[in-house]
């Protein structure tokens, strides 16, 4: 028996020429089947053609516009601000936003703004900036803090470990049921 490394196979196999007679191996119908629109020469039917039935492409309702992949900013109301300095991390600790690693925009609330400290977030409305400067505070526009690389890696690892433990628990539960 020949060994795998002793085979003399060519790397580039030639294209099979169909419709060249029975002896050539791809004669007569040339791999198109017998009769029907798809077996004929000339103009081919388009990919969305469904034999005259209303095409799926036309039947499906179309959504106008587009779906944005941009994550919307987390909204904080100005009357909820307290303390001397507010940034993404202090707002997250106070429970006003979910994550400090997303954009934050401060907008006017229903109550009057009493905040007079330093506000350092990604955005604020003009009326909020005016109200804070009027009270003696200041606003500085900052970039959104990036998630540290170590946390990104640990999140991925935690997700993998969790998935493995779930699979293992499922497998052991399946084995116990079979006993």
C-alpha atoms as a PDB file:
ATOM      1  CA  UNK A   1       0.000   0.000   0.000  1.00  0.00           C
ATOM      2  CA  UNK A   2       1.291   3.466  -0.857  1.00  0.00           C
ATOM      3  CA  UNK A   3       1.920   5.912   1.891  1.00  0.00           C
ATOM      4  CA  UNK A   4       0.372   9.352   2.020  1.00  0.00           C
ATOM      5  CA  UNK A   5       3.680  11.147   1.500  1.00  0.00           C
ATOM      6  CA  UNK A   6       4.489   8.948  -1.514  1.00  0.00           C
ATOM      7  CA  UNK A   7       1.401   9.943  -3.526  1.00  0.00           C
ATOM      8  CA  UNK A   8       2.061  11.775  -6.763  1.00  0.00           C
ATOM      9  CA  UNK A   9      -0.945  14.075  -6.891  1.00  0.00           C
ATOM     10  CA  UNK A  10      -0.907  17.395  -8.678  1.00  0.00           C
ATOM     11  CA  UNK A  11      -1.684  20.521  -6.700  1.00  0.00           C
ATOM     12  CA  UNK A  12      -3.769  22.216  -9.405  1.00  0.00           C
ATOM     13  CA  UNK A  13      -6.408  20.033 -10.932  1.00  0.00           C
ATOM     14  CA  UNK A  14      -7.736  21.169 -14.320  1.00  0.00           C
ATOM     15  CA  UNK A  15     -11.289  22.396 -14.783  1.00  0.00           C
ATOM     16  CA  UNK A  16     -13.694  19.667 -15.921  1.00  0.00           C
ATOM     17  CA  UNK A  17     -14.991  20.348 -19.438  1.00  0.00           C
ATOM     18  CA  UNK A  18     -18.620  19.284 -19.601  1.00  0.00           C
ATOM     19  CA  UNK A  19     -20.800  18.727 -22.656  1.00  0.00           C
ATOM     20  CA  UNK A  20     -18.037  17.072 -24.723  1.00  0.00           C
ATOM     21  CA  UNK A  21     -19.609  13.654 -25.246  1.00  0.00           C
ATOM     22  CA  UNK A  22     -20.430  10.560 -23.195  1.00  0.00           C
ATOM     23  CA  UNK A  23     -16.843   9.263 -23.010  1.00  0.00           C
ATOM     24  CA  UNK A  24     -15.593  12.496 -21.439  1.00  0.00           C
ATOM     25  CA  UNK A  25     -17.719  11.859 -18.340  1.00  0.00           C
ATOM     26  CA  UNK A  26     -19.794  15.037 -18.377  1.00  0.00           C
ATOM     27  CA  UNK A  27     -21.708  14.582 -21.609  1.00  0.00           C
ATOM     28  CA  UNK A  28     -25.359  14.776 -22.625  1.00  0.00           C
ATOM     29  CA  UNK A  29     -26.994  16.987 -19.946  1.00  0.00           C
ATOM     30  CA  UNK A  30     -23.609  18.257 -18.710  1.00  0.00           C
ATOM     31  CA  UNK A  31     -24.641  18.214 -15.051  1.00  0.00           C
ATOM     32  CA  UNK A  32     -27.720  20.402 -15.632  1.00  0.00           C
ATOM     33  CA  UNK A  33     -30.353  17.707 -15.254  1.00  0.00           C
ATOM     34  CA  UNK A  34     -33.119  16.993 -17.774  1.00  0.00           C
ATOM     35  CA  UNK A  35     -35.394  19.719 -19.131  1.00  0.00           C
ATOM     36  CA  UNK A  36     -36.577  22.807 -17.302  1.00  0.00           C
ATOM     37  CA  UNK A  37     -35.637  26.452 -17.348  1.00  0.00           C
ATOM     38  CA  UNK A  38     -32.342  25.904 -15.541  1.00  0.00           C
ATOM     39  CA  UNK A  39     -31.126  23.388 -18.122  1.00  0.00           C
ATOM     40  CA  UNK A  40     -31.498  25.742 -21.105  1.00  0.00           C
ATOM     41  CA  UNK A  41     -28.819  27.938 -22.587  1.00  0.00           C
ATOM     42  CA  UNK A  42     -29.080  31.689 -22.799  1.00  0.00           C
ATOM     43  CA  UNK A  43     -30.420  34.046 -20.149  1.00  0.00           C
ATOM     44  CA  UNK A  44     -30.384  32.647 -16.633  1.00  0.00           C
ATOM     45  CA  UNK A  45     -32.993  33.359 -13.975  1.00  0.00           C
ATOM     46  CA  UNK A  46     -31.981  35.745 -11.215  1.00  0.00           C
ATOM     47  CA  UNK A  47     -31.248  34.503  -7.710  1.00  0.00           C
ATOM     48  CA  UNK A  48     -34.418  36.051  -6.255  1.00  0.00           C
ATOM     49  CA  UNK A  49     -36.769  34.503  -8.861  1.00  0.00           C
ATOM     50  CA  UNK A  50     -39.324  32.164  -7.291  1.00  0.00           C
ATOM     51  CA  UNK A  51     -41.072  30.714 -10.327  1.00  0.00           C
ATOM     52  CA  UNK A  52     -43.545  33.546 -10.719  1.00  0.00           C
ATOM     53  CA  UNK A  53     -44.649  33.568  -7.062  1.00  0.00           C
ATOM     54  CA  UNK A  54     -44.315  36.926  -5.331  1.00  0.00           C
ATOM     55  CA  UNK A  55     -40.595  37.023  -4.466  1.00  0.00           C
ATOM     56  CA  UNK A  56     -39.591  36.997  -0.820  1.00  0.00           C
ATOM     57  CA  UNK A  57     -37.479  40.105  -1.418  1.00  0.00           C
ATOM     58  CA  UNK A  58     -40.599  42.027  -2.430  1.00  0.00           C
ATOM     59  CA  UNK A  59     -42.888  40.477   0.206  1.00  0.00           C
ATOM     60  CA  UNK A  60     -40.720  41.344   3.203  1.00  0.00           C
ATOM     61  CA  UNK A  61     -41.488  44.782   4.660  1.00  0.00           C
ATOM     62  CA  UNK A  62     -38.599  47.186   4.291  1.00  0.00           C
ATOM     63  CA  UNK A  63     -37.286  49.138   7.252  1.00  0.00           C
ATOM     64  CA  UNK A  64     -36.644  52.743   6.380  1.00  0.00           C
ATOM     65  CA  UNK A  65     -33.406  54.360   7.461  1.00  0.00           C
ATOM     66  CA  UNK A  66     -30.745  52.289   9.191  1.00  0.00           C
ATOM     67  CA  UNK A  67     -29.882  50.848  12.584  1.00  0.00           C
ATOM     68  CA  UNK A  68     -27.006  52.696  14.164  1.00  0.00           C
ATOM     69  CA  UNK A  69     -24.269  50.659  15.828  1.00  0.00           C
ATOM     70  CA  UNK A  70     -23.170  53.637  17.927  1.00  0.00           C
ATOM     71  CA  UNK A  71     -23.869  53.185  21.628  1.00  0.00           C
ATOM     72  CA  UNK A  72     -26.065  56.063  22.845  1.00  0.00           C
ATOM     73  CA  UNK A  73     -24.754  58.189  25.701  1.00  0.00           C
ATOM     74  CA  UNK A  74     -25.916  57.506  29.242  1.00  0.00           C
ATOM     75  CA  UNK A  75     -28.109  60.382  30.422  1.00  0.00           C
ATOM     76  CA  UNK A  76     -27.739  62.050  33.826  1.00  0.00           C
ATOM     77  CA  UNK A  77     -29.980  64.876  35.011  1.00  0.00           C
ATOM     78  CA  UNK A  78     -28.177  67.954  36.332  1.00  0.00           C
ATOM     79  CA  UNK A  79     -30.327  68.222  39.476  1.00  0.00           C
ATOM     80  CA  UNK A  80     -29.021  64.779  40.571  1.00  0.00           C
ATOM     81  CA  UNK A  81     -25.385  65.977  40.698  1.00  0.00           C
ATOM     82  CA  UNK A  82     -23.848  66.391  44.159  1.00  0.00           C
ATOM     83  CA  UNK A  83     -20.357  66.766  45.601  1.00  0.00           C
ATOM     84  CA  UNK A  84     -17.304  68.782  44.621  1.00  0.00           C
ATOM     85  CA  UNK A  85     -16.197  66.861  41.519  1.00  0.00           C
ATOM     86  CA  UNK A  86     -18.127  64.563  39.199  1.00  0.00           C
ATOM     87  CA  UNK A  87     -16.719  62.305  36.497  1.00  0.00           C
ATOM     88  CA  UNK A  88     -17.680  58.941  34.973  1.00  0.00           C
ATOM     89  CA  UNK A  89     -16.348  56.898  37.894  1.00  0.00           C
ATOM     90  CA  UNK A  90     -17.988  58.984  40.660  1.00  0.00           C
ATOM     91  CA  UNK A  91     -21.302  58.953  38.746  1.00  0.00           C
ATOM     92  CA  UNK A  92     -21.083  55.167  38.478  1.00  0.00           C
ATOM     93  CA  UNK A  93     -20.360  54.812  42.204  1.00  0.00           C
ATOM     94  CA  UNK A  94     -23.375  57.010  42.969  1.00  0.00           C
ATOM     95  CA  UNK A  95     -25.535  54.698  40.831  1.00  0.00           C
ATOM     96  CA  UNK A  96     -26.496  57.351  38.283  1.00  0.00           C
ATOM     97  CA  UNK A  97     -24.947  55.459  35.354  1.00  0.00           C
ATOM     98  CA  UNK A  98     -24.409  51.767  34.636  1.00  0.00           C
ATOM     99  CA  UNK A  99     -20.835  51.783  33.324  1.00  0.00           C
ATOM    100  CA  UNK A 100     -18.051  54.360  33.597  1.00  0.00           C
ATOM    101  CA  UNK A 101     -16.662  53.156  30.238  1.00  0.00           C
ATOM    102  CA  UNK A 102     -19.475  54.633  28.091  1.00  0.00           C
ATOM    103  CA  UNK A 103     -20.230  58.211  27.084  1.00  0.00           C
ATOM    104  CA  UNK A 104     -22.189  60.303  29.591  1.00  0.00           C
ATOM    105  CA  UNK A 105     -24.268  63.382  28.809  1.00  0.00           C
ATOM    106  CA  UNK A 106     -25.670  65.664  31.486  1.00  0.00           C
ATOM    107  CA  UNK A 107     -28.972  67.342  30.660  1.00  0.00           C
ATOM    108  CA  UNK A 108     -31.360  69.637  32.529  1.00  0.00           C
ATOM    109  CA  UNK A 109     -33.801  68.025  34.929  1.00  0.00           C
ATOM    110  CA  UNK A 110     -37.132  69.326  36.178  1.00  0.00           C
ATOM    111  CA  UNK A 111     -35.648  70.877  39.317  1.00  0.00           C
ATOM    112  CA  UNK A 112     -33.186  73.750  39.609  1.00  0.00           C
ATOM    113  CA  UNK A 113     -29.451  73.023  39.278  1.00  0.00           C
ATOM    114  CA  UNK A 114     -27.567  73.498  42.564  1.00  0.00           C
ATOM    115  CA  UNK A 115     -24.286  71.821  41.580  1.00  0.00           C
ATOM    116  CA  UNK A 116     -21.252  74.094  41.939  1.00  0.00           C
ATOM    117  CA  UNK A 117     -18.343  71.668  41.553  1.00  0.00           C
ATOM    118  CA  UNK A 118     -16.228  70.486  38.665  1.00  0.00           C
ATOM    119  CA  UNK A 119     -17.990  68.358  36.049  1.00  0.00           C
ATOM    120  CA  UNK A 120     -15.780  66.278  33.725  1.00  0.00           C
ATOM    121  CA  UNK A 121     -17.801  64.083  31.347  1.00  0.00           C
ATOM    122  CA  UNK A 122     -18.146  63.504  27.580  1.00  0.00           C
ATOM    123  CA  UNK A 123     -20.987  65.961  27.092  1.00  0.00           C
ATOM    124  CA  UNK A 124     -23.468  68.385  28.641  1.00  0.00           C
ATOM    125  CA  UNK A 125     -26.246  70.540  27.246  1.00  0.00           C
ATOM    126  CA  UNK A 126     -25.681  74.287  26.861  1.00  0.00           C
ATOM    127  CA  UNK A 127     -28.243  75.095  29.544  1.00  0.00           C
ATOM    128  CA  UNK A 128     -26.478  72.789  32.042  1.00  0.00           C
ATOM    129  CA  UNK A 129     -23.076  74.356  31.317  1.00  0.00           C
ATOM    130  CA  UNK A 130     -24.540  77.845  31.790  1.00  0.00           C
ATOM    131  CA  UNK A 131     -26.258  76.847  35.048  1.00  0.00           C
ATOM    132  CA  UNK A 132     -23.114  75.245  36.497  1.00  0.00           C
ATOM    133  CA  UNK A 133     -20.872  78.209  35.575  1.00  0.00           C
ATOM    134  CA  UNK A 134     -23.506  80.568  36.987  1.00  0.00           C
ATOM    135  CA  UNK A 135     -23.320  78.670  40.313  1.00  0.00           C
ATOM    136  CA  UNK A 136     -19.503  78.948  40.321  1.00  0.00           C
ATOM    137  CA  UNK A 137     -18.667  75.489  38.990  1.00  0.00           C
ATOM    138  CA  UNK A 138     -16.947  74.416  35.798  1.00  0.00           C
ATOM    139  CA  UNK A 139     -17.447  71.918  32.960  1.00  0.00           C
ATOM    140  CA  UNK A 140     -14.666  70.207  31.035  1.00  0.00           C
ATOM    141  CA  UNK A 141     -15.346  67.932  28.095  1.00  0.00           C
ATOM    142  CA  UNK A 142     -13.367  64.691  28.422  1.00  0.00           C
ATOM    143  CA  UNK A 143     -12.920  61.539  26.391  1.00  0.00           C
ATOM    144  CA  UNK A 144     -14.686  58.357  27.432  1.00  0.00           C
ATOM    145  CA  UNK A 145     -12.340  56.289  29.624  1.00  0.00           C
ATOM    146  CA  UNK A 146     -11.182  53.063  27.978  1.00  0.00           C
ATOM    147  CA  UNK A 147     -11.656  49.720  29.652  1.00  0.00           C
ATOM    148  CA  UNK A 148      -8.222  48.610  30.950  1.00  0.00           C
ATOM    149  CA  UNK A 149      -6.619  45.776  28.957  1.00  0.00           C
ATOM    150  CA  UNK A 150      -6.338  43.576  32.051  1.00  0.00           C
ATOM    151  CA  UNK A 151     -10.097  43.871  32.683  1.00  0.00           C
ATOM    152  CA  UNK A 152     -10.862  43.085  29.038  1.00  0.00           C
ATOM    153  CA  UNK A 153      -8.783  39.900  29.244  1.00  0.00           C
ATOM    154  CA  UNK A 154     -10.289  38.835  32.578  1.00  0.00           C
ATOM    155  CA  UNK A 155     -13.825  39.381  31.252  1.00  0.00           C
ATOM    156  CA  UNK A 156     -13.088  37.152  28.252  1.00  0.00           C
ATOM    157  CA  UNK A 157     -11.464  34.518  30.475  1.00  0.00           C
ATOM    158  CA  UNK A 158     -14.356  34.630  32.952  1.00  0.00           C
ATOM    159  CA  UNK A 159     -16.829  34.117  30.115  1.00  0.00           C
ATOM    160  CA  UNK A 160     -14.836  31.136  28.794  1.00  0.00           C
ATOM    161  CA  UNK A 161     -14.515  29.530  32.237  1.00  0.00           C
ATOM    162  CA  UNK A 162     -18.211  30.043  32.897  1.00  0.00           C
ATOM    163  CA  UNK A 163     -19.122  28.431  29.570  1.00  0.00           C
ATOM    164  CA  UNK A 164     -16.845  25.461  30.293  1.00  0.00           C
ATOM    165  CA  UNK A 165     -18.320  24.906  33.755  1.00  0.00           C
ATOM    166  CA  UNK A 166     -21.845  25.036  32.339  1.00  0.00           C
ATOM    167  CA  UNK A 167     -20.947  22.464  29.690  1.00  0.00           C
ATOM    168  CA  UNK A 168     -19.297  20.229  32.268  1.00  0.00           C
ATOM    169  CA  UNK A 169     -22.288  20.464  34.605  1.00  0.00           C
ATOM    170  CA  UNK A 170     -24.634  19.670  31.736  1.00  0.00           C
ATOM    171  CA  UNK A 171     -22.540  16.643  30.726  1.00  0.00           C
ATOM    172  CA  UNK A 172     -22.403  15.246  34.258  1.00  0.00           C
ATOM    173  CA  UNK A 173     -26.149  15.755  34.670  1.00  0.00           C
ATOM    174  CA  UNK A 174     -26.717  13.869  31.412  1.00  0.00           C
ATOM    175  CA  UNK A 175     -24.513  10.987  32.582  1.00  0.00           C
ATOM    176  CA  UNK A 176     -26.340  10.767  35.908  1.00  0.00           C
ATOM    177  CA  UNK A 177     -29.713  10.565  34.155  1.00  0.00           C
ATOM    178  CA  UNK A 178     -28.487   7.708  31.936  1.00  0.00           C
ATOM    179  CA  UNK A 179     -27.428   5.597  34.963  1.00  0.00           C
END
